[in-house]
Amino acid sequence: MWGNQNRLTALVFVSRLLPFISFDLISYGAGLTPIRFWRFASATLLGLIPMSFLLAHFGAELKTTELTRAIPIALGLGALTFGSILWAAFRARR
């Protein structure tokens, strides 16, 4: 089941997109599987690009001195965080 290279690559890729999953845990777990290094490295790189872009973009927007632009972004990030927590709590309750 875990020996399929495509499944392992997809698992690493998706886990890199989710900010609440420990990178160390996924890296250690991947090291225990037969995933090829180049697949692990490419899935990690491609999985980190979207989050890195978003963090850099939002950080640059929050750095601005215009409060009218910074407040909606801070509220949006807070809503995303709070929404994720609510979703996790809802899933745990089911």
PDB file of N, CA and C in Angstrom:
ATOM      1  N   MET A   1       0.815  -1.197   0.000  1.00  0.00           N
ATOM      2  CA  MET A   1       0.000   0.000   0.000  1.00  0.00           C
ATOM      3  C   MET A   1       0.856   1.257   0.000  1.00  0.00           C
ATOM      4  N   TRP A   2       1.829   1.349   0.946  1.00  0.00           N
ATOM      5  CA  TRP A   2       2.646   2.551   1.024  1.00  0.00           C
ATOM      6  C   TRP A   2       3.812   2.524   0.053  1.00  0.00           C
ATOM      7  N   GLY A   3       4.025   1.429  -0.625  1.00  0.00           N
ATOM      8  CA  GLY A   3       5.147   1.318  -1.527  1.00  0.00           C
ATOM      9  C   GLY A   3       4.960   2.019  -2.860  1.00  0.00           C
ATOM     10  N   ASN A   4       3.749   2.424  -3.178  1.00  0.00           N
ATOM     11  CA  ASN A   4       3.484   3.081  -4.441  1.00  0.00           C
ATOM     12  C   ASN A   4       4.122   4.476  -4.429  1.00  0.00           C
ATOM     13  N   GLN A   5       5.039   4.714  -5.352  1.00  0.00           N
ATOM     14  CA  GLN A   5       5.771   5.982  -5.397  1.00  0.00           C
ATOM     15  C   GLN A   5       4.846   7.184  -5.632  1.00  0.00           C
ATOM     16  N   ASN A   6       3.840   7.016  -6.462  1.00  0.00           N
ATOM     17  CA  ASN A   6       2.921   8.123  -6.732  1.00  0.00           C
ATOM     18  C   ASN A   6       2.124   8.498  -5.489  1.00  0.00           C
ATOM     19  N   ARG A   7       1.685   7.509  -4.728  1.00  0.00           N
ATOM     20  CA  ARG A   7       0.928   7.795  -3.497  1.00  0.00           C
ATOM     21  C   ARG A   7       1.810   8.476  -2.467  1.00  0.00           C
ATOM     22  N   LEU A   8       3.025   8.000  -2.324  1.00  0.00           N
ATOM     23  CA  LEU A   8       3.940   8.603  -1.362  1.00  0.00           C
ATOM     24  C   LEU A   8       4.263  10.039  -1.734  1.00  0.00           C
ATOM     25  N   THR A   9       4.487  10.287  -3.017  1.00  0.00           N
ATOM     26  CA  THR A   9       4.774  11.643  -3.484  1.00  0.00           C
ATOM     27  C   THR A   9       3.584  12.549  -3.229  1.00  0.00           C
ATOM     28  N   ALA A  10       2.381  12.076  -3.525  1.00  0.00           N
ATOM     29  CA  ALA A  10       1.172  12.871  -3.291  1.00  0.00           C
ATOM     30  C   ALA A  10       0.975  13.146  -1.807  1.00  0.00           C
ATOM     31  N   LEU A  11       1.261  12.169  -0.977  1.00  0.00           N
ATOM     32  CA  LEU A  11       1.122  12.346   0.465  1.00  0.00           C
ATOM     33  C   LEU A  11       2.077  13.417   0.982  1.00  0.00           C
ATOM     34  N   VAL A  12       3.311  13.387   0.530  1.00  0.00           N
ATOM     35  CA  VAL A  12       4.285  14.411   0.937  1.00  0.00           C
ATOM     36  C   VAL A  12       3.841  15.774   0.425  1.00  0.00           C
ATOM     37  N   PHE A  13       3.398  15.850  -0.815  1.00  0.00           N
ATOM     38  CA  PHE A  13       2.962  17.118  -1.403  1.00  0.00           C
ATOM     39  C   PHE A  13       1.801  17.721  -0.622  1.00  0.00           C
ATOM     40  N   VAL A  14       0.784  16.938  -0.359  1.00  0.00           N
ATOM     41  CA  VAL A  14      -0.392  17.442   0.361  1.00  0.00           C
ATOM     42  C   VAL A  14      -0.024  17.833   1.781  1.00  0.00           C
ATOM     43  N   SER A  15       0.837  17.069   2.423  1.00  0.00           N
ATOM     44  CA  SER A  15       1.223  17.396   3.798  1.00  0.00           C
ATOM     45  C   SER A  15       2.007  18.706   3.858  1.00  0.00           C
ATOM     46  N   ARG A  16       2.718  19.048   2.809  1.00  0.00           N
ATOM     47  CA  ARG A  16       3.456  20.320   2.779  1.00  0.00           C
ATOM     48  C   ARG A  16       2.505  21.500   2.575  1.00  0.00           C
ATOM     49  N   LEU A  17       1.352  21.266   1.994  1.00  0.00           N
ATOM     50  CA  LEU A  17       0.376  22.337   1.800  1.00  0.00           C
ATOM     51  C   LEU A  17      -0.365  22.672   3.094  1.00  0.00           C
ATOM     52  N   LEU A  18      -0.418  21.749   4.017  1.00  0.00           N
ATOM     53  CA  LEU A  18      -1.168  21.940   5.253  1.00  0.00           C
ATOM     54  C   LEU A  18      -0.243  22.478   6.343  1.00  0.00           C
ATOM     55  N   PRO A  19      -0.500  23.688   6.817  1.00  0.00           N
ATOM     56  CA  PRO A  19       0.441  24.305   7.758  1.00  0.00           C
ATOM     57  C   PRO A  19       0.430  23.698   9.161  1.00  0.00           C
ATOM     58  N   PHE A  20      -0.580  22.941   9.511  1.00  0.00           N
ATOM     59  CA  PHE A  20      -0.670  22.420  10.868  1.00  0.00           C
ATOM     60  C   PHE A  20      -0.077  21.028  11.020  1.00  0.00           C
ATOM     61  N   ILE A  21       0.484  20.477   9.957  1.00  0.00           N
ATOM     62  CA  ILE A  21       1.145  19.169  10.030  1.00  0.00           C
ATOM     63  C   ILE A  21       2.648  19.400  10.165  1.00  0.00           C
ATOM     64  N   SER A  22       3.264  18.725  11.110  1.00  0.00           N
ATOM     65  CA  SER A  22       4.690  18.895  11.379  1.00  0.00           C
ATOM     66  C   SER A  22       5.534  18.427  10.197  1.00  0.00           C
ATOM     67  N   PHE A  23       6.402  19.321   9.718  1.00  0.00           N
ATOM     68  CA  PHE A  23       7.301  18.958   8.620  1.00  0.00           C
ATOM     69  C   PHE A  23       8.286  17.887   9.067  1.00  0.00           C
ATOM     70  N   ASP A  24       8.737  17.991  10.306  1.00  0.00           N
ATOM     71  CA  ASP A  24       9.698  17.008  10.815  1.00  0.00           C
ATOM     72  C   ASP A  24       9.098  15.612  10.842  1.00  0.00           C
ATOM     73  N   LEU A  25       7.863  15.523  11.280  1.00  0.00           N
ATOM     74  CA  LEU A  25       7.184  14.232  11.349  1.00  0.00           C
ATOM     75  C   LEU A  25       7.016  13.619   9.958  1.00  0.00           C
ATOM     76  N   ILE A  26       6.616  14.427   8.996  1.00  0.00           N
ATOM     77  CA  ILE A  26       6.442  13.932   7.622  1.00  0.00           C
ATOM     78  C   ILE A  26       7.790  13.534   7.026  1.00  0.00           C
ATOM     79  N   SER A  27       8.816  14.331   7.255  1.00  0.00           N
ATOM     80  CA  SER A  27      10.143  14.000   6.723  1.00  0.00           C
ATOM     81  C   SER A  27      10.660  12.703   7.326  1.00  0.00           C
ATOM     82  N   TYR A  28      10.486  12.540   8.627  1.00  0.00           N
ATOM     83  CA  TYR A  28      10.926  11.302   9.279  1.00  0.00           C
ATOM     84  C   TYR A  28      10.133  10.109   8.742  1.00  0.00           C
ATOM     85  N   GLY A  29       8.816  10.271   8.646  1.00  0.00           N
ATOM     86  CA  GLY A  29       7.980   9.185   8.131  1.00  0.00           C
ATOM     87  C   GLY A  29       8.328   8.829   6.700  1.00  0.00           C
ATOM     88  N   ALA A  30       8.614   9.838   5.877  1.00  0.00           N
ATOM     89  CA  ALA A  30       8.988   9.571   4.488  1.00  0.00           C
ATOM     90  C   ALA A  30      10.328   8.840   4.418  1.00  0.00           C
ATOM     91  N   GLY A  31      11.209   9.129   5.375  1.00  0.00           N
ATOM     92  CA  GLY A  31      12.495   8.445   5.406  1.00  0.00           C
ATOM     93  C   GLY A  31      12.366   6.961   5.715  1.00  0.00           C
ATOM     94  N   LEU A  32      11.272   6.585   6.339  1.00  0.00           N
ATOM     95  CA  LEU A  32      11.034   5.171   6.650  1.00  0.00           C
ATOM     96  C   LEU A  32      10.352   4.423   5.506  1.00  0.00           C
ATOM     97  N   THR A  33       9.956   5.144   4.480  1.00  0.00           N
ATOM     98  CA  THR A  33       9.287   4.528   3.328  1.00  0.00           C
ATOM     99  C   THR A  33      10.267   4.396   2.172  1.00  0.00           C
ATOM    100  N   PRO A  34       9.889   3.660   1.135  1.00  0.00           N
ATOM    101  CA  PRO A  34      10.791   3.515  -0.014  1.00  0.00           C
ATOM    102  C   PRO A  34      10.692   4.652  -1.041  1.00  0.00           C
ATOM    103  N   ILE A  35      10.203   5.836  -0.643  1.00  0.00           N
ATOM    104  CA  ILE A  35      10.085   6.947  -1.597  1.00  0.00           C
ATOM    105  C   ILE A  35      11.474   7.356  -2.088  1.00  0.00           C
ATOM    106  N   ARG A  36      11.573   7.639  -3.357  1.00  0.00           N
ATOM    107  CA  ARG A  36      12.852   8.061  -3.937  1.00  0.00           C
ATOM    108  C   ARG A  36      13.134   9.506  -3.529  1.00  0.00           C
ATOM    109  N   PHE A  37      14.417   9.817  -3.389  1.00  0.00           N
ATOM    110  CA  PHE A  37      14.796  11.147  -2.916  1.00  0.00           C
ATOM    111  C   PHE A  37      14.294  12.249  -3.838  1.00  0.00           C
ATOM    112  N   TRP A  38      14.437  12.067  -5.145  1.00  0.00           N
ATOM    113  CA  TRP A  38      14.036  13.133  -6.057  1.00  0.00           C
ATOM    114  C   TRP A  38      12.537  13.376  -5.998  1.00  0.00           C
ATOM    115  N   ARG A  39      11.743  12.337  -5.744  1.00  0.00           N
ATOM    116  CA  ARG A  39      10.292  12.515  -5.597  1.00  0.00           C
ATOM    117  C   ARG A  39       9.971  13.272  -4.309  1.00  0.00           C
ATOM    118  N   PHE A  40      10.672  12.912  -3.227  1.00  0.00           N
ATOM    119  CA  PHE A  40      10.468  13.600  -1.956  1.00  0.00           C
ATOM    120  C   PHE A  40      10.852  15.071  -2.090  1.00  0.00           C
ATOM    121  N   ALA A  41      12.003  15.332  -2.690  1.00  0.00           N
ATOM    122  CA  ALA A  41      12.485  16.715  -2.827  1.00  0.00           C
ATOM    123  C   ALA A  41      11.560  17.548  -3.714  1.00  0.00           C
ATOM    124  N   SER A  42      11.107  16.979  -4.818  1.00  0.00           N
ATOM    125  CA  SER A  42      10.228  17.746  -5.710  1.00  0.00           C
ATOM    126  C   SER A  42       8.857  17.977  -5.075  1.00  0.00           C
ATOM    127  N   ALA A  43       8.313  16.992  -4.366  1.00  0.00           N
ATOM    128  CA  ALA A  43       7.026  17.171  -3.693  1.00  0.00           C
ATOM    129  C   ALA A  43       7.142  18.214  -2.589  1.00  0.00           C
ATOM    130  N   THR A  44       8.260  18.220  -1.880  1.00  0.00           N
ATOM    131  CA  THR A  44       8.479  19.214  -0.833  1.00  0.00           C
ATOM    132  C   THR A  44       8.594  20.604  -1.432  1.00  0.00           C
ATOM    133  N   LEU A  45       9.377  20.743  -2.474  1.00  0.00           N
ATOM    134  CA  LEU A  45       9.555  22.046  -3.112  1.00  0.00           C
ATOM    135  C   LEU A  45       8.232  22.584  -3.655  1.00  0.00           C
ATOM    136  N   LEU A  46       7.526  21.758  -4.404  1.00  0.00           N
ATOM    137  CA  LEU A  46       6.261  22.210  -4.991  1.00  0.00           C
ATOM    138  C   LEU A  46       5.188  22.450  -3.932  1.00  0.00           C
ATOM    139  N   GLY A  47       5.250  21.728  -2.840  1.00  0.00           N
ATOM    140  CA  GLY A  47       4.273  21.926  -1.776  1.00  0.00           C
ATOM    141  C   GLY A  47       4.533  23.163  -0.942  1.00  0.00           C
ATOM    142  N   LEU A  48       5.788  23.603  -0.875  1.00  0.00           N
ATOM    143  CA  LEU A  48       6.135  24.781  -0.082  1.00  0.00           C
ATOM    144  C   LEU A  48       5.957  26.091  -0.839  1.00  0.00           C
ATOM    145  N   ILE A  49       5.972  26.058  -2.148  1.00  0.00           N
ATOM    146  CA  ILE A  49       5.891  27.284  -2.945  1.00  0.00           C
ATOM    147  C   ILE A  49       4.608  28.075  -2.672  1.00  0.00           C
ATOM    148  N   PRO A  50       3.415  27.468  -2.699  1.00  0.00           N
ATOM    149  CA  PRO A  50       2.208  28.285  -2.470  1.00  0.00           C
ATOM    150  C   PRO A  50       2.174  28.962  -1.101  1.00  0.00           C
ATOM    151  N   MET A  51       2.535  28.240  -0.048  1.00  0.00           N
ATOM    152  CA  MET A  51       2.505  28.828   1.291  1.00  0.00           C
ATOM    153  C   MET A  51       3.563  29.913   1.427  1.00  0.00           C
ATOM    154  N   SER A  52       4.732  29.698   0.845  1.00  0.00           N
ATOM    155  CA  SER A  52       5.785  30.711   0.907  1.00  0.00           C
ATOM    156  C   SER A  52       5.346  31.985   0.198  1.00  0.00           C
ATOM    157  N   PHE A  53       4.712  31.831  -0.950  1.00  0.00           N
ATOM    158  CA  PHE A  53       4.221  32.992  -1.680  1.00  0.00           C
ATOM    159  C   PHE A  53       3.174  33.745  -0.872  1.00  0.00           C
ATOM    160  N   LEU A  54       2.227  33.019  -0.289  1.00  0.00           N
ATOM    161  CA  LEU A  54       1.175  33.674   0.498  1.00  0.00           C
ATOM    162  C   LEU A  54       1.746  34.390   1.717  1.00  0.00           C
ATOM    163  N   LEU A  55       2.657  33.746   2.420  1.00  0.00           N
ATOM    164  CA  LEU A  55       3.251  34.387   3.596  1.00  0.00           C
ATOM    165  C   LEU A  55       4.044  35.631   3.218  1.00  0.00           C
ATOM    166  N   ALA A  56       4.801  35.560   2.135  1.00  0.00           N
ATOM    167  CA  ALA A  56       5.562  36.725   1.690  1.00  0.00           C
ATOM    168  C   ALA A  56       4.629  37.849   1.247  1.00  0.00           C
ATOM    169  N   HIS A  57       3.575  37.505   0.542  1.00  0.00           N
ATOM    170  CA  HIS A  57       2.627  38.514   0.072  1.00  0.00           C
ATOM    171  C   HIS A  57       1.912  39.188   1.234  1.00  0.00           C
ATOM    172  N   PHE A  58       1.378  38.387   2.140  1.00  0.00           N
ATOM    173  CA  PHE A  58       0.659  38.964   3.274  1.00  0.00           C
ATOM    174  C   PHE A  58       1.601  39.739   4.195  1.00  0.00           C
ATOM    175  N   GLY A  59       2.821  39.284   4.352  1.00  0.00           N
ATOM    176  CA  GLY A  59       3.793  40.021   5.158  1.00  0.00           C
ATOM    177  C   GLY A  59       4.106  41.373   4.558  1.00  0.00           C
ATOM    178  N   ALA A  60       4.251  41.414   3.235  1.00  0.00           N
ATOM    179  CA  ALA A  60       4.509  42.691   2.566  1.00  0.00           C
ATOM    180  C   ALA A  60       3.306  43.617   2.688  1.00  0.00           C
ATOM    181  N   GLU A  61       2.115  43.069   2.608  1.00  0.00           N
ATOM    182  CA  GLU A  61       0.915  43.896   2.745  1.00  0.00           C
ATOM    183  C   GLU A  61       0.754  44.426   4.161  1.00  0.00           C
ATOM    184  N   LEU A  62       1.091  43.610   5.153  1.00  0.00           N
ATOM    185  CA  LEU A  62       0.973  44.059   6.542  1.00  0.00           C
ATOM    186  C   LEU A  62       2.045  45.087   6.901  1.00  0.00           C
ATOM    187  N   LYS A  63       3.134  45.092   6.159  1.00  0.00           N
ATOM    188  CA  LYS A  63       4.221  46.029   6.402  1.00  0.00           C
ATOM    189  C   LYS A  63       3.847  47.448   5.982  1.00  0.00           C
ATOM    190  N   THR A  64       2.875  47.582   5.154  1.00  0.00           N
ATOM    191  CA  THR A  64       2.486  48.889   4.644  1.00  0.00           C
ATOM    192  C   THR A  64       2.017  49.795   5.784  1.00  0.00           C
ATOM    193  N   THR A  65       2.171  51.067   5.581  1.00  0.00           N
ATOM    194  CA  THR A  65       1.752  52.020   6.613  1.00  0.00           C
ATOM    195  C   THR A  65       0.280  52.395   6.479  1.00  0.00           C
ATOM    196  N   GLU A  66      -0.336  51.988   5.407  1.00  0.00           N
ATOM    197  CA  GLU A  66      -1.753  52.291   5.212  1.00  0.00           C
ATOM    198  C   GLU A  66      -2.592  51.326   6.032  1.00  0.00           C
ATOM    199  N   LEU A  67      -3.199  51.835   7.066  1.00  0.00           N
ATOM    200  CA  LEU A  67      -3.988  51.002   7.961  1.00  0.00           C
ATOM    201  C   LEU A  67      -5.225  50.442   7.267  1.00  0.00           C
ATOM    202  N   THR A  68      -5.734  51.161   6.279  1.00  0.00           N
ATOM    203  CA  THR A  68      -6.936  50.688   5.584  1.00  0.00           C
ATOM    204  C   THR A  68      -6.657  49.430   4.765  1.00  0.00           C
ATOM    205  N   ARG A  69      -5.400  49.190   4.389  1.00  0.00           N
ATOM    206  CA  ARG A  69      -5.056  47.969   3.660  1.00  0.00           C
ATOM    207  C   ARG A  69      -4.645  46.853   4.606  1.00  0.00           C
ATOM    208  N   ALA A  70      -4.044  47.202   5.739  1.00  0.00           N
ATOM    209  CA  ALA A  70      -3.530  46.184   6.656  1.00  0.00           C
ATOM    210  C   ALA A  70      -4.645  45.527   7.462  1.00  0.00           C
ATOM    211  N   ILE A  71      -5.648  46.286   7.852  1.00  0.00           N
ATOM    212  CA  ILE A  71      -6.714  45.731   8.698  1.00  0.00           C
ATOM    213  C   ILE A  71      -7.481  44.611   8.005  1.00  0.00           C
ATOM    214  N   PRO A  72      -7.948  44.775   6.749  1.00  0.00           N
ATOM    215  CA  PRO A  72      -8.662  43.655   6.114  1.00  0.00           C
ATOM    216  C   PRO A  72      -7.802  42.403   5.959  1.00  0.00           C
ATOM    217  N   ILE A  73      -6.518  42.576   5.707  1.00  0.00           N
ATOM    218  CA  ILE A  73      -5.648  41.410   5.561  1.00  0.00           C
ATOM    219  C   ILE A  73      -5.474  40.706   6.902  1.00  0.00           C
ATOM    220  N   ALA A  74      -5.265  41.474   7.958  1.00  0.00           N
ATOM    221  CA  ALA A  74      -5.137  40.870   9.288  1.00  0.00           C
ATOM    222  C   ALA A  74      -6.430  40.158   9.681  1.00  0.00           C
ATOM    223  N   LEU A  75      -7.567  40.770   9.378  1.00  0.00           N
ATOM    224  CA  LEU A  75      -8.857  40.132   9.677  1.00  0.00           C
ATOM    225  C   LEU A  75      -9.053  38.876   8.837  1.00  0.00           C
ATOM    226  N   GLY A  76      -8.637  38.913   7.576  1.00  0.00           N
ATOM    227  CA  GLY A  76      -8.752  37.735   6.717  1.00  0.00           C
ATOM    228  C   GLY A  76      -7.896  36.583   7.207  1.00  0.00           C
ATOM    229  N   LEU A  77      -6.669  36.894   7.603  1.00  0.00           N
ATOM    230  CA  LEU A  77      -5.801  35.844   8.143  1.00  0.00           C
ATOM    231  C   LEU A  77      -6.364  35.286   9.444  1.00  0.00           C
ATOM    232  N   GLY A  78      -6.916  36.164  10.272  1.00  0.00           N
ATOM    233  CA  GLY A  78      -7.551  35.702  11.505  1.00  0.00           C
ATOM    234  C   GLY A  78      -8.752  34.819  11.227  1.00  0.00           C
ATOM    235  N   ALA A  79      -9.539  35.199  10.217  1.00  0.00           N
ATOM    236  CA  ALA A  79     -10.715  34.395   9.848  1.00  0.00           C
ATOM    237  C   ALA A  79     -10.291  33.026   9.323  1.00  0.00           C
ATOM    238  N   LEU A  80      -9.232  32.993   8.523  1.00  0.00           N
ATOM    239  CA  LEU A  80      -8.728  31.697   8.034  1.00  0.00           C
ATOM    240  C   LEU A  80      -8.255  30.819   9.187  1.00  0.00           C
ATOM    241  N   THR A  81      -7.549  31.418  10.123  1.00  0.00           N
ATOM    242  CA  THR A  81      -7.061  30.655  11.277  1.00  0.00           C
ATOM    243  C   THR A  81      -8.223  30.160  12.124  1.00  0.00           C
ATOM    244  N   PHE A  82      -9.153  31.053  12.434  1.00  0.00           N
ATOM    245  CA  PHE A  82     -10.307  30.679  13.251  1.00  0.00           C
ATOM    246  C   PHE A  82     -11.177  29.648  12.531  1.00  0.00           C
ATOM    247  N   GLY A  83     -11.342  29.811  11.216  1.00  0.00           N
ATOM    248  CA  GLY A  83     -12.113  28.847  10.433  1.00  0.00           C
ATOM    249  C   GLY A  83     -11.478  27.469  10.440  1.00  0.00           C
ATOM    250  N   SER A  84     -10.156  27.420  10.358  1.00  0.00           N
ATOM    251  CA  SER A  84      -9.450  26.139  10.406  1.00  0.00           C
ATOM    252  C   SER A  84      -9.631  25.459  11.756  1.00  0.00           C
ATOM    253  N   ILE A  85      -9.575  26.253  12.814  1.00  0.00           N
ATOM    254  CA  ILE A  85      -9.760  25.694  14.159  1.00  0.00           C
ATOM    255  C   ILE A  85     -11.182  25.168  14.316  1.00  0.00           C
ATOM    256  N   LEU A  86     -12.164  25.942  13.844  1.00  0.00           N
ATOM    257  CA  LEU A  86     -13.556  25.488  13.921  1.00  0.00           C
ATOM    258  C   LEU A  86     -13.777  24.219  13.112  1.00  0.00           C
ATOM    259  N   TRP A  87     -13.202  24.151  11.918  1.00  0.00           N
ATOM    260  CA  TRP A  87     -13.349  22.981  11.070  1.00  0.00           C
ATOM    261  C   TRP A  87     -12.742  21.755  11.751  1.00  0.00           C
ATOM    262  N   ALA A  88     -11.560  21.920  12.341  1.00  0.00           N
ATOM    263  CA  ALA A  88     -10.912  20.797  13.033  1.00  0.00           C
ATOM    264  C   ALA A  88     -11.745  20.342  14.227  1.00  0.00           C
ATOM    265  N   ALA A  89     -12.305  21.300  14.958  1.00  0.00           N
ATOM    266  CA  ALA A  89     -13.141  20.944  16.107  1.00  0.00           C
ATOM    267  C   ALA A  89     -14.416  20.226  15.658  1.00  0.00           C
ATOM    268  N   PHE A  90     -14.985  20.695  14.549  1.00  0.00           N
ATOM    269  CA  PHE A  90     -16.191  20.060  14.009  1.00  0.00           C
ATOM    270  C   PHE A  90     -15.898  18.634  13.565  1.00  0.00           C
ATOM    271  N   ARG A  91     -14.772  18.436  12.883  1.00  0.00           N
ATOM    272  CA  ARG A  91     -14.398  17.096  12.424  1.00  0.00           C
ATOM    273  C   ARG A  91     -14.100  16.176  13.605  1.00  0.00           C
ATOM    274  N   ALA A  92     -13.489  16.702  14.649  1.00  0.00           N
ATOM    275  CA  ALA A  92     -13.163  15.892  15.825  1.00  0.00           C
ATOM    276  C   ALA A  92     -14.434  15.467  16.560  1.00  0.00           C
ATOM    277  N   ARG A  93     -15.431  16.302  16.531  1.00  0.00           N
ATOM    278  CA  ARG A  93     -16.672  16.008  17.220  1.00  0.00           C
ATOM    279  C   ARG A  93     -17.484  14.939  16.504  1.00  0.00           C
ATOM    280  N   ARG A  94     -17.358  14.861  15.181  1.00  0.00           N
ATOM    281  CA  ARG A  94     -18.120  13.874  14.404  1.00  0.00           C
ATOM    282  C   ARG A  94     -17.483  12.574  14.605  1.00  0.00           C
TER     283      ARG A  94
END
